[in-house]
PDB file of N, CA and C in Angstrom:
ATOM      1  N   UNK A   1     105.824 -22.099   9.075  1.00  0.00           N
ATOM      2  CA  UNK A   1     107.016 -22.269   8.272  1.00  0.00           C
ATOM      3  C   UNK A   1     106.736 -21.870   6.821  1.00  0.00           C
ATOM      4  N   UNK A   2     105.588 -22.244   6.315  1.00  0.00           N
ATOM      5  CA  UNK A   2     105.236 -21.923   4.938  1.00  0.00           C
ATOM      6  C   UNK A   2     105.112 -20.413   4.741  1.00  0.00           C
ATOM      7  N   UNK A   3     104.618 -19.724   5.743  1.00  0.00           N
ATOM      8  CA  UNK A   3     104.418 -18.282   5.669  1.00  0.00           C
ATOM      9  C   UNK A   3     105.763 -17.556   5.533  1.00  0.00           C
ATOM     10  N   UNK A   4     106.783 -18.002   6.241  1.00  0.00           N
ATOM     11  CA  UNK A   4     108.101 -17.365   6.176  1.00  0.00           C
ATOM     12  C   UNK A   4     108.723 -17.540   4.799  1.00  0.00           C
ATOM     13  N   UNK A   5     108.540 -18.678   4.198  1.00  0.00           N
ATOM     14  CA  UNK A   5     109.127 -18.929   2.886  1.00  0.00           C
ATOM     15  C   UNK A   5     108.491 -18.047   1.821  1.00  0.00           C
ATOM     16  N   UNK A   6     107.201 -17.785   1.931  1.00  0.00           N
ATOM     17  CA  UNK A   6     106.549 -16.949   0.926  1.00  0.00           C
ATOM     18  C   UNK A   6     106.909 -15.479   1.088  1.00  0.00           C
ATOM     19  N   UNK A   7     107.272 -15.069   2.291  1.00  0.00           N
ATOM     20  CA  UNK A   7     107.671 -13.679   2.508  1.00  0.00           C
ATOM     21  C   UNK A   7     109.063 -13.393   1.970  1.00  0.00           C
ATOM     22  N   UNK A   8     109.927 -14.383   1.931  1.00  0.00           N
ATOM     23  CA  UNK A   8     111.314 -14.163   1.512  1.00  0.00           C
ATOM     24  C   UNK A   8     111.363 -13.629   0.085  1.00  0.00           C
ATOM     25  N   UNK A   9     110.768 -14.301  -0.853  1.00  0.00           N
ATOM     26  CA  UNK A   9     110.664 -13.827  -2.225  1.00  0.00           C
ATOM     27  C   UNK A   9     111.964 -13.721  -2.993  1.00  0.00           C
ATOM     28  N   UNK A  10     113.072 -14.141  -2.462  1.00  0.00           N
ATOM     29  CA  UNK A  10     114.335 -14.088  -3.169  1.00  0.00           C
ATOM     30  C   UNK A  10     115.014 -12.733  -3.035  1.00  0.00           C
ATOM     31  N   UNK A  11     116.120 -12.546  -3.753  1.00  0.00           N
ATOM     32  CA  UNK A  11     116.874 -11.302  -3.641  1.00  0.00           C
ATOM     33  C   UNK A  11     116.125 -10.118  -4.250  1.00  0.00           C
ATOM     34  N   UNK A  12     116.445  -8.934  -3.790  1.00  0.00           N
ATOM     35  CA  UNK A  12     115.780  -7.729  -4.283  1.00  0.00           C
ATOM     36  C   UNK A  12     116.205  -7.431  -5.718  1.00  0.00           C
ATOM     37  N   UNK A  13     115.504  -6.511  -6.327  1.00  0.00           N
ATOM     38  CA  UNK A  13     115.829  -6.114  -7.696  1.00  0.00           C
ATOM     39  C   UNK A  13     117.242  -5.550  -7.767  1.00  0.00           C
ATOM     40  N   UNK A  14     117.622  -4.736  -6.806  1.00  0.00           N
ATOM     41  CA  UNK A  14     118.957  -4.136  -6.808  1.00  0.00           C
ATOM     42  C   UNK A  14     120.043  -5.205  -6.690  1.00  0.00           C
ATOM     43  N   UNK A  15     119.831  -6.195  -5.840  1.00  0.00           N
ATOM     44  CA  UNK A  15     120.806  -7.273  -5.692  1.00  0.00           C
ATOM     45  C   UNK A  15     120.940  -8.064  -6.991  1.00  0.00           C
ATOM     46  N   UNK A  16     119.828  -8.359  -7.636  1.00  0.00           N
ATOM     47  CA  UNK A  16     119.882  -9.083  -8.916  1.00  0.00           C
ATOM     48  C   UNK A  16     120.576  -8.253  -9.988  1.00  0.00           C
ATOM     49  N   UNK A  17     120.273  -6.955 -10.014  1.00  0.00           N
ATOM     50  CA  UNK A  17     120.882  -6.062 -10.992  1.00  0.00           C
ATOM     51  C   UNK A  17     122.401  -5.996 -10.807  1.00  0.00           C
ATOM     52  N   UNK A  18     122.847  -5.904  -9.554  1.00  0.00           N
ATOM     53  CA  UNK A  18     124.286  -5.870  -9.286  1.00  0.00           C
ATOM     54  C   UNK A  18     124.961  -7.185  -9.674  1.00  0.00           C
ATOM     55  N   UNK A  19     124.304  -8.308  -9.425  1.00  0.00           N
ATOM     56  CA  UNK A  19     124.873  -9.590  -9.834  1.00  0.00           C
ATOM     57  C   UNK A  19     124.991  -9.701 -11.347  1.00  0.00           C
ATOM     58  N   UNK A  20     124.000  -9.192 -12.075  1.00  0.00           N
ATOM     59  CA  UNK A  20     124.063  -9.207 -13.539  1.00  0.00           C
ATOM     60  C   UNK A  20     125.212  -8.328 -14.019  1.00  0.00           C
ATOM     61  N   UNK A  21     125.360  -7.141 -13.428  1.00  0.00           N
ATOM     62  CA  UNK A  21     126.467  -6.259 -13.818  1.00  0.00           C
ATOM     63  C   UNK A  21     127.822  -6.890 -13.536  1.00  0.00           C
ATOM     64  N   UNK A  22     127.961  -7.539 -12.399  1.00  0.00           N
ATOM     65  CA  UNK A  22     129.213  -8.229 -12.092  1.00  0.00           C
ATOM     66  C   UNK A  22     129.489  -9.352 -13.087  1.00  0.00           C
ATOM     67  N   UNK A  23     128.467 -10.079 -13.464  1.00  0.00           N
ATOM     68  CA  UNK A  23     128.632 -11.157 -14.442  1.00  0.00           C
ATOM     69  C   UNK A  23     129.053 -10.627 -15.795  1.00  0.00           C
ATOM     70  N   UNK A  24     128.427  -9.548 -16.243  1.00  0.00           N
ATOM     71  CA  UNK A  24     128.789  -8.952 -17.542  1.00  0.00           C
ATOM     72  C   UNK A  24     130.224  -8.446 -17.493  1.00  0.00           C
ATOM     73  N   UNK A  25     130.601  -7.799 -16.398  1.00  0.00           N
ATOM     74  CA  UNK A  25     131.974  -7.291 -16.264  1.00  0.00           C
ATOM     75  C   UNK A  25     132.978  -8.446 -16.258  1.00  0.00           C
ATOM     76  N   UNK A  26     132.652  -9.523 -15.572  1.00  0.00           N
ATOM     77  CA  UNK A  26     133.551 -10.674 -15.519  1.00  0.00           C
ATOM     78  C   UNK A  26     133.740 -11.285 -16.904  1.00  0.00           C
ATOM     79  N   UNK A  27     132.639 -11.511 -17.622  1.00  0.00           N
ATOM     80  CA  UNK A  27     132.760 -12.118 -18.943  1.00  0.00           C
ATOM     81  C   UNK A  27     133.434 -11.176 -19.932  1.00  0.00           C
ATOM     82  N   UNK A  28     133.218  -9.877 -19.791  1.00  0.00           N
ATOM     83  CA  UNK A  28     133.917  -8.911 -20.637  1.00  0.00           C
ATOM     84  C   UNK A  28     135.413  -8.940 -20.391  1.00  0.00           C
ATOM     85  N   UNK A  29     135.810  -8.999 -19.124  1.00  0.00           N
ATOM     86  CA  UNK A  29     137.234  -9.070 -18.793  1.00  0.00           C
ATOM     87  C   UNK A  29     137.847 -10.380 -19.294  1.00  0.00           C
ATOM     88  N   UNK A  30     137.128 -11.465 -19.169  1.00  0.00           N
ATOM     89  CA  UNK A  30     137.631 -12.756 -19.661  1.00  0.00           C
ATOM     90  C   UNK A  30     137.785 -12.736 -21.180  1.00  0.00           C
ATOM     91  N   UNK A  31     136.861 -12.089 -21.887  1.00  0.00           N
ATOM     92  CA  UNK A  31     136.939 -11.991 -23.342  1.00  0.00           C
ATOM     93  C   UNK A  31     138.164 -11.177 -23.762  1.00  0.00           C
ATOM     94  N   UNK A  32     138.382 -10.036 -23.103  1.00  0.00           N
ATOM     95  CA  UNK A  32     139.539  -9.193 -23.441  1.00  0.00           C
ATOM     96  C   UNK A  32     140.830  -9.931 -23.111  1.00  0.00           C
ATOM     97  N   UNK A  33     140.862 -10.616 -21.970  1.00  0.00           N
ATOM     98  CA  UNK A  33     142.064 -11.354 -21.579  1.00  0.00           C
ATOM     99  C   UNK A  33     142.374 -12.457 -22.598  1.00  0.00           C
ATOM    100  N   UNK A  34     141.366 -13.121 -23.106  1.00  0.00           N
ATOM    101  CA  UNK A  34     141.580 -14.202 -24.074  1.00  0.00           C
ATOM    102  C   UNK A  34     142.079 -13.657 -25.409  1.00  0.00           C
ATOM    103  N   UNK A  35     141.730 -12.405 -25.756  1.00  0.00           N
ATOM    104  CA  UNK A  35     142.119 -11.824 -27.037  1.00  0.00           C
ATOM    105  C   UNK A  35     143.395 -10.997 -26.964  1.00  0.00           C
ATOM    106  N   UNK A  36     144.037 -10.928 -25.795  1.00  0.00           N
ATOM    107  CA  UNK A  36     145.182 -10.037 -25.628  1.00  0.00           C
ATOM    108  C   UNK A  36     146.382 -10.420 -26.480  1.00  0.00           C
ATOM    109  N   UNK A  37     146.502 -11.664 -26.887  1.00  0.00           N
ATOM    110  CA  UNK A  37     147.643 -12.079 -27.708  1.00  0.00           C
ATOM    111  C   UNK A  37     147.421 -11.850 -29.195  1.00  0.00           C
ATOM    112  N   UNK A  38     146.182 -11.652 -29.610  1.00  0.00           N
ATOM    113  CA  UNK A  38     145.917 -11.473 -31.038  1.00  0.00           C
ATOM    114  C   UNK A  38     145.387 -10.092 -31.396  1.00  0.00           C
ATOM    115  N   UNK A  39     144.901  -9.346 -30.435  1.00  0.00           N
ATOM    116  CA  UNK A  39     144.310  -8.030 -30.699  1.00  0.00           C
ATOM    117  C   UNK A  39     145.137  -6.954 -29.992  1.00  0.00           C
ATOM    118  N   UNK A  40     145.764  -6.043 -30.747  1.00  0.00           N
ATOM    119  CA  UNK A  40     146.592  -5.011 -30.109  1.00  0.00           C
ATOM    120  C   UNK A  40     145.816  -4.108 -29.147  1.00  0.00           C
ATOM    121  N   UNK A  41     144.552  -3.819 -29.470  1.00  0.00           N
ATOM    122  CA  UNK A  41     143.759  -2.971 -28.564  1.00  0.00           C
ATOM    123  C   UNK A  41     143.507  -3.670 -27.241  1.00  0.00           C
ATOM    124  N   UNK A  42     143.196  -4.954 -27.302  1.00  0.00           N
ATOM    125  CA  UNK A  42     142.976  -5.713 -26.072  1.00  0.00           C
ATOM    126  C   UNK A  42     144.273  -5.820 -25.273  1.00  0.00           C
ATOM    127  N   UNK A  43     145.400  -6.011 -25.971  1.00  0.00           N
ATOM    128  CA  UNK A  43     146.686  -6.108 -25.282  1.00  0.00           C
ATOM    129  C   UNK A  43     147.027  -4.798 -24.582  1.00  0.00           C
ATOM    130  N   UNK A  44     146.761  -3.669 -25.230  1.00  0.00           N
ATOM    131  CA  UNK A  44     147.022  -2.379 -24.593  1.00  0.00           C
ATOM    132  C   UNK A  44     146.122  -2.163 -23.378  1.00  0.00           C
ATOM    133  N   UNK A  45     144.874  -2.582 -23.478  1.00  0.00           N
ATOM    134  CA  UNK A  45     143.952  -2.435 -22.353  1.00  0.00           C
ATOM    135  C   UNK A  45     144.404  -3.274 -21.161  1.00  0.00           C
ATOM    136  N   UNK A  46     144.776  -4.524 -21.417  1.00  0.00           N
ATOM    137  CA  UNK A  46     145.248  -5.396 -20.340  1.00  0.00           C
ATOM    138  C   UNK A  46     146.529  -4.823 -19.744  1.00  0.00           C
ATOM    139  N   UNK A  47     147.416  -4.323 -20.606  1.00  0.00           N
ATOM    140  CA  UNK A  47     148.674  -3.737 -20.140  1.00  0.00           C
ATOM    141  C   UNK A  47     148.406  -2.513 -19.261  1.00  0.00           C
ATOM    142  N   UNK A  48     147.495  -1.660 -19.686  1.00  0.00           N
ATOM    143  CA  UNK A  48     147.212  -0.439 -18.946  1.00  0.00           C
ATOM    144  C   UNK A  48     146.597  -0.759 -17.576  1.00  0.00           C
ATOM    145  N   UNK A  49     145.722  -1.735 -17.531  1.00  0.00           N
ATOM    146  CA  UNK A  49     145.056  -2.069 -16.277  1.00  0.00           C
ATOM    147  C   UNK A  49     145.993  -2.817 -15.327  1.00  0.00           C
ATOM    148  N   UNK A  50     146.806  -3.728 -15.867  1.00  0.00           N
ATOM    149  CA  UNK A  50     147.678  -4.522 -15.003  1.00  0.00           C
ATOM    150  C   UNK A  50     148.957  -3.788 -14.631  1.00  0.00           C
ATOM    151  N   UNK A  51     149.350  -2.796 -15.422  1.00  0.00           N
ATOM    152  CA  UNK A  51     150.558  -2.035 -15.131  1.00  0.00           C
ATOM    153  C   UNK A  51     151.836  -2.743 -15.524  1.00  0.00           C
ATOM    154  N   UNK A  52     151.731  -3.783 -16.347  1.00  0.00           N
ATOM    155  CA  UNK A  52     152.915  -4.532 -16.762  1.00  0.00           C
ATOM    156  C   UNK A  52     153.418  -4.023 -18.109  1.00  0.00           C
ATOM    157  N   UNK A  53     154.654  -4.389 -18.443  1.00  0.00           N
ATOM    158  CA  UNK A  53     155.258  -4.000 -19.718  1.00  0.00           C
ATOM    159  C   UNK A  53     154.522  -4.689 -20.859  1.00  0.00           C
ATOM    160  N   UNK A  54     154.438  -4.047 -22.028  1.00  0.00           N
ATOM    161  CA  UNK A  54     153.725  -4.638 -23.158  1.00  0.00           C
ATOM    162  C   UNK A  54     154.383  -5.921 -23.646  1.00  0.00           C
ATOM    163  N   UNK A  55     153.544  -6.893 -23.998  1.00  0.00           N
ATOM    164  CA  UNK A  55     153.992  -8.159 -24.554  1.00  0.00           C
ATOM    165  C   UNK A  55     153.007  -8.583 -25.619  1.00  0.00           C
ATOM    166  N   UNK A  56     153.428  -9.465 -26.485  1.00  0.00           N
ATOM    167  CA  UNK A  56     152.513 -10.011 -27.489  1.00  0.00           C
ATOM    168  C   UNK A  56     152.166  -9.007 -28.562  1.00  0.00           C
ATOM    169  N   UNK A  57     150.882  -8.870 -28.861  1.00  0.00           N
ATOM    170  CA  UNK A  57     150.420  -8.047 -29.979  1.00  0.00           C
ATOM    171  C   UNK A  57     150.648  -6.557 -29.746  1.00  0.00           C
ATOM    172  N   UNK A  58     150.790  -6.112 -28.510  1.00  0.00           N
ATOM    173  CA  UNK A  58     150.974  -4.691 -28.234  1.00  0.00           C
ATOM    174  C   UNK A  58     152.434  -4.261 -28.392  1.00  0.00           C
ATOM    175  N   UNK A  59     153.345  -5.208 -28.487  1.00  0.00           N
ATOM    176  CA  UNK A  59     154.762  -4.867 -28.641  1.00  0.00           C
ATOM    177  C   UNK A  59     155.021  -4.370 -30.054  1.00  0.00           C
ATOM    178  N   UNK A  60     155.842  -3.334 -30.202  1.00  0.00           N
ATOM    179  CA  UNK A  60     156.146  -2.836 -31.556  1.00  0.00           C
ATOM    180  C   UNK A  60     157.045  -3.764 -32.324  1.00  0.00           C
TER     181      UNK A  60
END
């Protein structure tokens, strides 16, 4: 049993790298979403990605 646990070694480098990239993308999206009401650039980005009509800071 001990031998099997030492062979596992956890996730591969590629799996860890992909998880880090997903985490960075998630926190980046959350940051932009939180700033969409005060930052016109963030509002335009959220509008462009979601396909909805402009609201808040992006409205003229």
